[in-house]
Amino acid sequence: MLCFAYGSNMNWDQMQDRCRSAQFLGVALLRDHRLAFTRYSDSPSRKCGVADALYEKGAEVWGVVYEIPDTEIAILDRCEGFRPGRELRENAYIREERHVCRDGDEQRPLLVQVYFANQQQNPPRPSAEYKKLIVEGAEWWHLPSDYIDQLERIETGE
């Protein structure tokens, strides 16, 4: 499965902890979406607002594409609070197919799976530690510098 990661899963250490066999395929752009924090994660390692990609015409979310073996998809689904077959509103995230542009190039589309949050009312801001995972992942994979600057301006709850 090809998976587009735009939040903390861009962090290579985190992805390796979750899916040991994941392979980095490249950076990509999800058009007509913006990064937002629409859900609270009460997991012991989070306790903060977590990333989502909301539809917004003209906006852009950069991220990375991983190839994840079929044997590890269920692990990632579990980490994202998604269980196929369960009612969508009972999932923290849902997984949907989308096209992204590899290296931001419209001529290099990839069909990928993307996790979108089931939004909650008034979620908190991300923590400084969660934001750090996102920024470090973006820097590690050399996302565009103006996008990294945008990530660094994310306001945290701390």
C-alpha atoms as a PDB file:
ATOM      1  CA  MET A   1       0.000   0.000   0.000  1.00  0.00           C
ATOM      2  CA  LEU A   2       1.188   3.513  -0.740  1.00  0.00           C
ATOM      3  CA  CYS A   3       0.465   5.840   2.177  1.00  0.00           C
ATOM      4  CA  PHE A   4       0.759   9.637   2.240  1.00  0.00           C
ATOM      5  CA  ALA A   5       1.932  10.924   5.641  1.00  0.00           C
ATOM      6  CA  TYR A   6       1.592  14.621   6.446  1.00  0.00           C
ATOM      7  CA  GLY A   7       1.669  14.720  10.258  1.00  0.00           C
ATOM      8  CA  SER A   8       3.808  12.949  12.824  1.00  0.00           C
ATOM      9  CA  ASN A   9       4.131   9.886  10.580  1.00  0.00           C
ATOM     10  CA  MET A  10       6.555  11.933   8.472  1.00  0.00           C
ATOM     11  CA  ASN A  11       8.971  11.363  11.346  1.00  0.00           C
ATOM     12  CA  TRP A  12      11.068   8.412  10.192  1.00  0.00           C
ATOM     13  CA  ASP A  13      11.766   7.087  13.701  1.00  0.00           C
ATOM     14  CA  GLN A  14       8.049   7.028  14.497  1.00  0.00           C
ATOM     15  CA  MET A  15       7.192   5.343  11.202  1.00  0.00           C
ATOM     16  CA  GLN A  16       9.895   2.725  11.737  1.00  0.00           C
ATOM     17  CA  ASP A  17       8.510   2.016  15.219  1.00  0.00           C
ATOM     18  CA  ARG A  18       5.052   1.536  13.737  1.00  0.00           C
ATOM     19  CA  CYS A  19       5.872  -0.195  10.447  1.00  0.00           C
ATOM     20  CA  ARG A  20       9.375  -1.660  10.485  1.00  0.00           C
ATOM     21  CA  SER A  21       9.266  -2.582   6.769  1.00  0.00           C
ATOM     22  CA  ALA A  22       7.992   0.787   5.500  1.00  0.00           C
ATOM     23  CA  GLN A  23       9.988   2.163   2.585  1.00  0.00           C
ATOM     24  CA  PHE A  24      10.278   5.861   1.741  1.00  0.00           C
ATOM     25  CA  LEU A  25       9.107   6.459  -1.829  1.00  0.00           C
ATOM     26  CA  GLY A  26       9.360  10.245  -2.068  1.00  0.00           C
ATOM     27  CA  VAL A  27       7.893  13.600  -1.135  1.00  0.00           C
ATOM     28  CA  ALA A  28       4.496  14.579  -2.474  1.00  0.00           C
ATOM     29  CA  LEU A  29       1.886  17.303  -2.473  1.00  0.00           C
ATOM     30  CA  LEU A  30      -1.795  16.925  -1.615  1.00  0.00           C
ATOM     31  CA  ARG A  31      -3.545  19.733  -3.463  1.00  0.00           C
ATOM     32  CA  ASP A  32      -6.647  21.558  -2.256  1.00  0.00           C
ATOM     33  CA  HIS A  33      -6.090  20.646   1.389  1.00  0.00           C
ATOM     34  CA  ARG A  34      -4.657  22.487   4.380  1.00  0.00           C
ATOM     35  CA  LEU A  35      -3.041  21.205   7.543  1.00  0.00           C
ATOM     36  CA  ALA A  36      -5.238  21.548  10.612  1.00  0.00           C
ATOM     37  CA  PHE A  37      -5.499  20.075  14.107  1.00  0.00           C
ATOM     38  CA  THR A  38      -9.082  18.890  14.410  1.00  0.00           C
ATOM     39  CA  ARG A  39      -8.875  16.030  16.872  1.00  0.00           C
ATOM     40  CA  TYR A  40      -7.664  15.376  20.413  1.00  0.00           C
ATOM     41  CA  SER A  41      -5.491  12.339  20.958  1.00  0.00           C
ATOM     42  CA  ASP A  42      -5.699  10.975  24.473  1.00  0.00           C
ATOM     43  CA  SER A  43      -2.958   8.419  23.917  1.00  0.00           C
ATOM     44  CA  PRO A  44      -0.328   8.587  26.670  1.00  0.00           C
ATOM     45  CA  SER A  45       2.297   9.802  24.193  1.00  0.00           C
ATOM     46  CA  ARG A  46       0.120  12.628  22.818  1.00  0.00           C
ATOM     47  CA  LYS A  47      -2.542  14.292  24.998  1.00  0.00           C
ATOM     48  CA  CYS A  48      -2.892  17.099  22.429  1.00  0.00           C
ATOM     49  CA  GLY A  49      -4.444  18.141  19.137  1.00  0.00           C
ATOM     50  CA  VAL A  50      -3.352  15.985  16.207  1.00  0.00           C
ATOM     51  CA  ALA A  51      -3.015  16.583  12.481  1.00  0.00           C
ATOM     52  CA  ASP A  52      -5.688  16.464   9.826  1.00  0.00           C
ATOM     53  CA  ALA A  53      -5.839  17.557   6.187  1.00  0.00           C
ATOM     54  CA  LEU A  54      -8.970  19.589   5.482  1.00  0.00           C
ATOM     55  CA  TYR A  55     -10.326  20.276   2.035  1.00  0.00           C
ATOM     56  CA  GLU A  56      -9.625  23.864   1.019  1.00  0.00           C
ATOM     57  CA  LYS A  57      -9.482  24.916  -2.616  1.00  0.00           C
ATOM     58  CA  GLY A  58      -6.054  26.253  -3.530  1.00  0.00           C
ATOM     59  CA  ALA A  59      -4.318  25.135  -0.315  1.00  0.00           C
ATOM     60  CA  GLU A  60      -1.472  22.614  -0.205  1.00  0.00           C
ATOM     61  CA  VAL A  61      -0.243  19.976   2.224  1.00  0.00           C
ATOM     62  CA  TRP A  62       3.203  18.531   1.677  1.00  0.00           C
ATOM     63  CA  GLY A  63       4.161  15.141   3.022  1.00  0.00           C
ATOM     64  CA  VAL A  64       5.888  11.887   2.225  1.00  0.00           C
ATOM     65  CA  VAL A  65       4.815   8.672   0.559  1.00  0.00           C
ATOM     66  CA  TYR A  66       5.734   5.351   2.101  1.00  0.00           C
ATOM     67  CA  GLU A  67       5.269   1.913   0.664  1.00  0.00           C
ATOM     68  CA  ILE A  68       3.894  -0.244   3.460  1.00  0.00           C
ATOM     69  CA  PRO A  69       3.689  -4.026   3.138  1.00  0.00           C
ATOM     70  CA  ASP A  70       0.223  -5.543   3.367  1.00  0.00           C
ATOM     71  CA  THR A  71       1.361  -7.376   6.499  1.00  0.00           C
ATOM     72  CA  GLU A  72       1.816  -4.049   8.345  1.00  0.00           C
ATOM     73  CA  ILE A  73      -1.218  -2.068   7.187  1.00  0.00           C
ATOM     74  CA  ALA A  74      -3.296  -3.276  10.139  1.00  0.00           C
ATOM     75  CA  ILE A  75      -0.601  -2.004  12.514  1.00  0.00           C
ATOM     76  CA  LEU A  76      -0.732   1.480  11.013  1.00  0.00           C
ATOM     77  CA  ASP A  77      -4.545   1.414  10.983  1.00  0.00           C
ATOM     78  CA  ARG A  78      -4.511   0.572  14.698  1.00  0.00           C
ATOM     79  CA  CYS A  79      -2.041   3.398  15.425  1.00  0.00           C
ATOM     80  CA  GLU A  80      -4.373   5.805  13.609  1.00  0.00           C
ATOM     81  CA  GLY A  81      -7.481   4.564  15.408  1.00  0.00           C
ATOM     82  CA  PHE A  82      -8.992   3.149  12.219  1.00  0.00           C
ATOM     83  CA  ARG A  83     -10.664  -0.221  11.929  1.00  0.00           C
ATOM     84  CA  PRO A  84     -12.048  -1.152   8.509  1.00  0.00           C
ATOM     85  CA  GLY A  85     -15.639  -2.305   8.793  1.00  0.00           C
ATOM     86  CA  ARG A  86     -16.358  -0.282  11.910  1.00  0.00           C
ATOM     87  CA  GLU A  87     -18.800   2.609  11.533  1.00  0.00           C
ATOM     88  CA  LEU A  88     -16.864   5.622  10.327  1.00  0.00           C
ATOM     89  CA  ARG A  89     -17.894   7.815  13.257  1.00  0.00           C
ATOM     90  CA  GLU A  90     -16.396   5.249  15.634  1.00  0.00           C
ATOM     91  CA  ASN A  91     -12.935   5.676  14.107  1.00  0.00           C
ATOM     92  CA  ALA A  92     -10.489   8.382  15.125  1.00  0.00           C
ATOM     93  CA  TYR A  93      -9.271   8.516  11.526  1.00  0.00           C
ATOM     94  CA  ILE A  94     -10.578   7.155   8.277  1.00  0.00           C
ATOM     95  CA  ARG A  95      -8.401   5.993   5.407  1.00  0.00           C
ATOM     96  CA  GLU A  96      -9.287   7.175   1.897  1.00  0.00           C
ATOM     97  CA  GLU A  97      -7.744   7.021  -1.556  1.00  0.00           C
ATOM     98  CA  ARG A  98      -6.407  10.262  -3.021  1.00  0.00           C
ATOM     99  CA  HIS A  99      -4.051  11.396  -5.728  1.00  0.00           C
ATOM    100  CA  VAL A 100      -0.916  13.261  -4.695  1.00  0.00           C
ATOM    101  CA  CYS A 101       1.722  14.869  -6.903  1.00  0.00           C
ATOM    102  CA  ARG A 102       5.157  13.344  -6.454  1.00  0.00           C
ATOM    103  CA  ASP A 103       7.679  16.134  -5.899  1.00  0.00           C
ATOM    104  CA  GLY A 104       4.765  18.545  -6.420  1.00  0.00           C
ATOM    105  CA  ASP A 105       4.664  17.662 -10.134  1.00  0.00           C
ATOM    106  CA  GLU A 106       1.179  17.276 -11.666  1.00  0.00           C
ATOM    107  CA  GLN A 107       2.735  14.995 -14.282  1.00  0.00           C
ATOM    108  CA  ARG A 108       3.801  12.497 -11.580  1.00  0.00           C
ATOM    109  CA  PRO A 109       0.567  11.518  -9.819  1.00  0.00           C
ATOM    110  CA  LEU A 110       0.440   8.722  -7.279  1.00  0.00           C
ATOM    111  CA  LEU A 111      -2.687   7.034  -5.977  1.00  0.00           C
ATOM    112  CA  VAL A 112      -2.217   6.728  -2.224  1.00  0.00           C
ATOM    113  CA  GLN A 113      -4.066   6.083   1.006  1.00  0.00           C
ATOM    114  CA  VAL A 114      -4.481   9.109   3.293  1.00  0.00           C
ATOM    115  CA  TYR A 115      -5.722   9.190   6.883  1.00  0.00           C
ATOM    116  CA  PHE A 116      -8.235  11.962   7.603  1.00  0.00           C
ATOM    117  CA  ALA A 117      -9.411  12.721  11.136  1.00  0.00           C
ATOM    118  CA  ASN A 118     -12.984  12.431  12.312  1.00  0.00           C
ATOM    119  CA  GLN A 119     -13.154  15.997  13.497  1.00  0.00           C
ATOM    120  CA  GLN A 120     -14.075  16.947  17.039  1.00  0.00           C
ATOM    121  CA  GLN A 121     -15.460  20.157  18.470  1.00  0.00           C
ATOM    122  CA  ASN A 122     -12.856  22.481  20.008  1.00  0.00           C
ATOM    123  CA  PRO A 123      -9.793  20.229  19.992  1.00  0.00           C
ATOM    124  CA  PRO A 124      -6.691  21.626  21.703  1.00  0.00           C
ATOM    125  CA  ARG A 125      -3.618  22.826  19.870  1.00  0.00           C
ATOM    126  CA  PRO A 126      -0.804  20.371  19.226  1.00  0.00           C
ATOM    127  CA  SER A 127       1.850  20.035  21.895  1.00  0.00           C
ATOM    128  CA  ALA A 128       5.357  21.344  21.303  1.00  0.00           C
ATOM    129  CA  GLU A 129       6.597  17.730  21.208  1.00  0.00           C
ATOM    130  CA  TYR A 130       4.022  16.703  18.588  1.00  0.00           C
ATOM    131  CA  LYS A 131       4.836  19.759  16.462  1.00  0.00           C
ATOM    132  CA  LYS A 132       8.524  18.855  16.756  1.00  0.00           C
ATOM    133  CA  LEU A 133       7.839  15.386  15.276  1.00  0.00           C
ATOM    134  CA  ILE A 134       6.147  16.995  12.271  1.00  0.00           C
ATOM    135  CA  VAL A 135       8.842  19.621  11.701  1.00  0.00           C
ATOM    136  CA  GLU A 136      11.675  17.106  12.122  1.00  0.00           C
ATOM    137  CA  GLY A 137      10.010  14.799   9.600  1.00  0.00           C
ATOM    138  CA  ALA A 138       9.605  17.632   7.110  1.00  0.00           C
ATOM    139  CA  GLU A 139      13.251  18.621   7.521  1.00  0.00           C
ATOM    140  CA  TRP A 140      14.488  15.017   7.322  1.00  0.00           C
ATOM    141  CA  TRP A 141      12.761  14.463   3.973  1.00  0.00           C
ATOM    142  CA  HIS A 142      13.659  17.938   2.668  1.00  0.00           C
ATOM    143  CA  LEU A 143      10.165  19.272   2.104  1.00  0.00           C
ATOM    144  CA  PRO A 144      10.090  22.759   0.553  1.00  0.00           C
ATOM    145  CA  SER A 145      11.627  25.330   2.892  1.00  0.00           C
ATOM    146  CA  ASP A 146       8.608  27.644   2.736  1.00  0.00           C
ATOM    147  CA  TYR A 147       6.400  24.761   3.871  1.00  0.00           C
ATOM    148  CA  ILE A 148       8.793  23.960   6.731  1.00  0.00           C
ATOM    149  CA  ASP A 149       8.621  27.634   7.714  1.00  0.00           C
ATOM    150  CA  GLN A 150       4.824  27.321   7.769  1.00  0.00           C
ATOM    151  CA  LEU A 151       5.069  24.251  10.023  1.00  0.00           C
ATOM    152  CA  GLU A 152       7.417  26.060  12.391  1.00  0.00           C
ATOM    153  CA  ARG A 153       4.769  28.791  12.846  1.00  0.00           C
ATOM    154  CA  ILE A 154       2.181  26.306  14.162  1.00  0.00           C
ATOM    155  CA  GLU A 155       0.965  27.525  17.531  1.00  0.00           C
ATOM    156  CA  THR A 156       1.180  24.961  20.296  1.00  0.00           C
ATOM    157  CA  GLY A 157      -0.802  24.520  23.471  1.00  0.00           C
ATOM    158  CA  GLU A 158       2.316  24.789  25.645  1.00  0.00           C
END
